[in-house]
Amino acid sequence: MAYGSPQLPTVCVLEIITPSGVEDLFKVLGQPGNRHDPSAFPALVASSGWEVDSEGTAEVAERFGPMF
């Protein structure tokens, strides 16, 4: 059964499911006072054992215009 109101706009949710351990990368990225060079991001992610699909992410962002 679906619930909703015709007066409210449609809401879309992007759910990102990741394996455990990705929080360690966010701890590094979120340290106060640290500014990371965006061009160094792929190397930082790789050093954590992760892969990023930048092209796929860009396509999703362009298509759906997510807000963070």
C-alpha atoms as a PDB file:
ATOM      1  CA  MET A   1       0.000   0.000   0.000  1.00  0.00           C
ATOM      2  CA  ALA A   2       1.365   3.432  -0.917  1.00  0.00           C
ATOM      3  CA  TYR A   3       0.885   6.514   1.191  1.00  0.00           C
ATOM      4  CA  GLY A   4       1.185  10.080   0.047  1.00  0.00           C
ATOM      5  CA  SER A   5      -0.495  13.363  -0.509  1.00  0.00           C
ATOM      6  CA  PRO A   6      -1.256  14.857  -3.895  1.00  0.00           C
ATOM      7  CA  GLN A   7      -0.371  18.286  -2.459  1.00  0.00           C
ATOM      8  CA  LEU A   8       3.236  17.301  -1.630  1.00  0.00           C
ATOM      9  CA  PRO A   9       6.034  17.044  -4.185  1.00  0.00           C
ATOM     10  CA  THR A  10       7.538  13.688  -5.040  1.00  0.00           C
ATOM     11  CA  VAL A  11      10.615  12.838  -3.012  1.00  0.00           C
ATOM     12  CA  CYS A  12      13.463  10.711  -4.344  1.00  0.00           C
ATOM     13  CA  VAL A  13      16.026   9.094  -2.086  1.00  0.00           C
ATOM     14  CA  LEU A  14      19.419   7.792  -3.136  1.00  0.00           C
ATOM     15  CA  GLU A  15      20.491   5.065  -0.741  1.00  0.00           C
ATOM     16  CA  ILE A  16      24.166   4.220  -0.752  1.00  0.00           C
ATOM     17  CA  ILE A  17      25.050   0.857   0.739  1.00  0.00           C
ATOM     18  CA  THR A  18      28.708   0.184   1.408  1.00  0.00           C
ATOM     19  CA  PRO A  19      30.691  -2.612   2.985  1.00  0.00           C
ATOM     20  CA  SER A  20      32.022  -2.091   6.489  1.00  0.00           C
ATOM     21  CA  GLY A  21      35.232  -0.130   6.807  1.00  0.00           C
ATOM     22  CA  VAL A  22      34.337   2.826   4.582  1.00  0.00           C
ATOM     23  CA  GLU A  23      33.870   4.874   7.760  1.00  0.00           C
ATOM     24  CA  ASP A  24      37.685   4.897   8.154  1.00  0.00           C
ATOM     25  CA  LEU A  25      37.963   6.858   4.917  1.00  0.00           C
ATOM     26  CA  PHE A  26      35.351   9.349   6.139  1.00  0.00           C
ATOM     27  CA  LYS A  27      37.280   9.775   9.387  1.00  0.00           C
ATOM     28  CA  VAL A  28      40.352  10.837   7.383  1.00  0.00           C
ATOM     29  CA  LEU A  29      38.326  13.137   5.132  1.00  0.00           C
ATOM     30  CA  GLY A  30      36.430  14.683   8.031  1.00  0.00           C
ATOM     31  CA  GLN A  31      39.330  15.602  10.314  1.00  0.00           C
ATOM     32  CA  PRO A  32      38.920  19.234  11.409  1.00  0.00           C
ATOM     33  CA  GLY A  33      41.296  21.640   9.705  1.00  0.00           C
ATOM     34  CA  ASN A  34      42.263  19.219   6.936  1.00  0.00           C
ATOM     35  CA  ARG A  35      41.601  20.339   3.397  1.00  0.00           C
ATOM     36  CA  HIS A  36      42.045  17.709   0.736  1.00  0.00           C
ATOM     37  CA  ASP A  37      43.023  18.479  -2.807  1.00  0.00           C
ATOM     38  CA  PRO A  38      40.192  17.063  -4.970  1.00  0.00           C
ATOM     39  CA  SER A  39      42.746  15.752  -7.477  1.00  0.00           C
ATOM     40  CA  ALA A  40      44.300  13.664  -4.667  1.00  0.00           C
ATOM     41  CA  PHE A  41      40.976  12.044  -3.782  1.00  0.00           C
ATOM     42  CA  PRO A  42      41.360   9.002  -6.089  1.00  0.00           C
ATOM     43  CA  ALA A  43      44.751   8.158  -4.543  1.00  0.00           C
ATOM     44  CA  LEU A  44      43.383   8.611  -1.023  1.00  0.00           C
ATOM     45  CA  VAL A  45      40.453   6.326  -1.792  1.00  0.00           C
ATOM     46  CA  ALA A  46      42.744   3.730  -3.392  1.00  0.00           C
ATOM     47  CA  SER A  47      45.027   3.768  -0.345  1.00  0.00           C
ATOM     48  CA  SER A  48      41.977   2.774   1.694  1.00  0.00           C
ATOM     49  CA  GLY A  49      41.297  -0.163  -0.610  1.00  0.00           C
ATOM     50  CA  TRP A  50      38.226   1.384  -2.235  1.00  0.00           C
ATOM     51  CA  GLU A  51      37.273   2.240  -5.796  1.00  0.00           C
ATOM     52  CA  VAL A  52      35.282   5.253  -6.953  1.00  0.00           C
ATOM     53  CA  ASP A  53      33.301   5.365 -10.172  1.00  0.00           C
ATOM     54  CA  SER A  54      33.673   9.091 -10.866  1.00  0.00           C
ATOM     55  CA  GLU A  55      32.062   8.894 -14.296  1.00  0.00           C
ATOM     56  CA  GLY A  56      29.057   6.969 -12.971  1.00  0.00           C
ATOM     57  CA  THR A  57      28.704   9.359 -10.049  1.00  0.00           C
ATOM     58  CA  ALA A  58      28.852  12.348 -12.397  1.00  0.00           C
ATOM     59  CA  GLU A  59      26.117  10.802 -14.571  1.00  0.00           C
ATOM     60  CA  VAL A  60      23.846  10.283 -11.548  1.00  0.00           C
ATOM     61  CA  ALA A  61      24.538  13.819 -10.293  1.00  0.00           C
ATOM     62  CA  GLU A  62      23.810  15.320 -13.705  1.00  0.00           C
ATOM     63  CA  ARG A  63      20.652  13.299 -14.207  1.00  0.00           C
ATOM     64  CA  PHE A  64      19.104  13.698 -10.770  1.00  0.00           C
ATOM     65  CA  GLY A  65      20.802  16.807  -9.303  1.00  0.00           C
ATOM     66  CA  PRO A  66      21.353  15.419  -5.780  1.00  0.00           C
ATOM     67  CA  MET A  67      21.858  17.828  -2.917  1.00  0.00           C
ATOM     68  CA  PHE A  68      24.263  16.988  -0.114  1.00  0.00           C
END
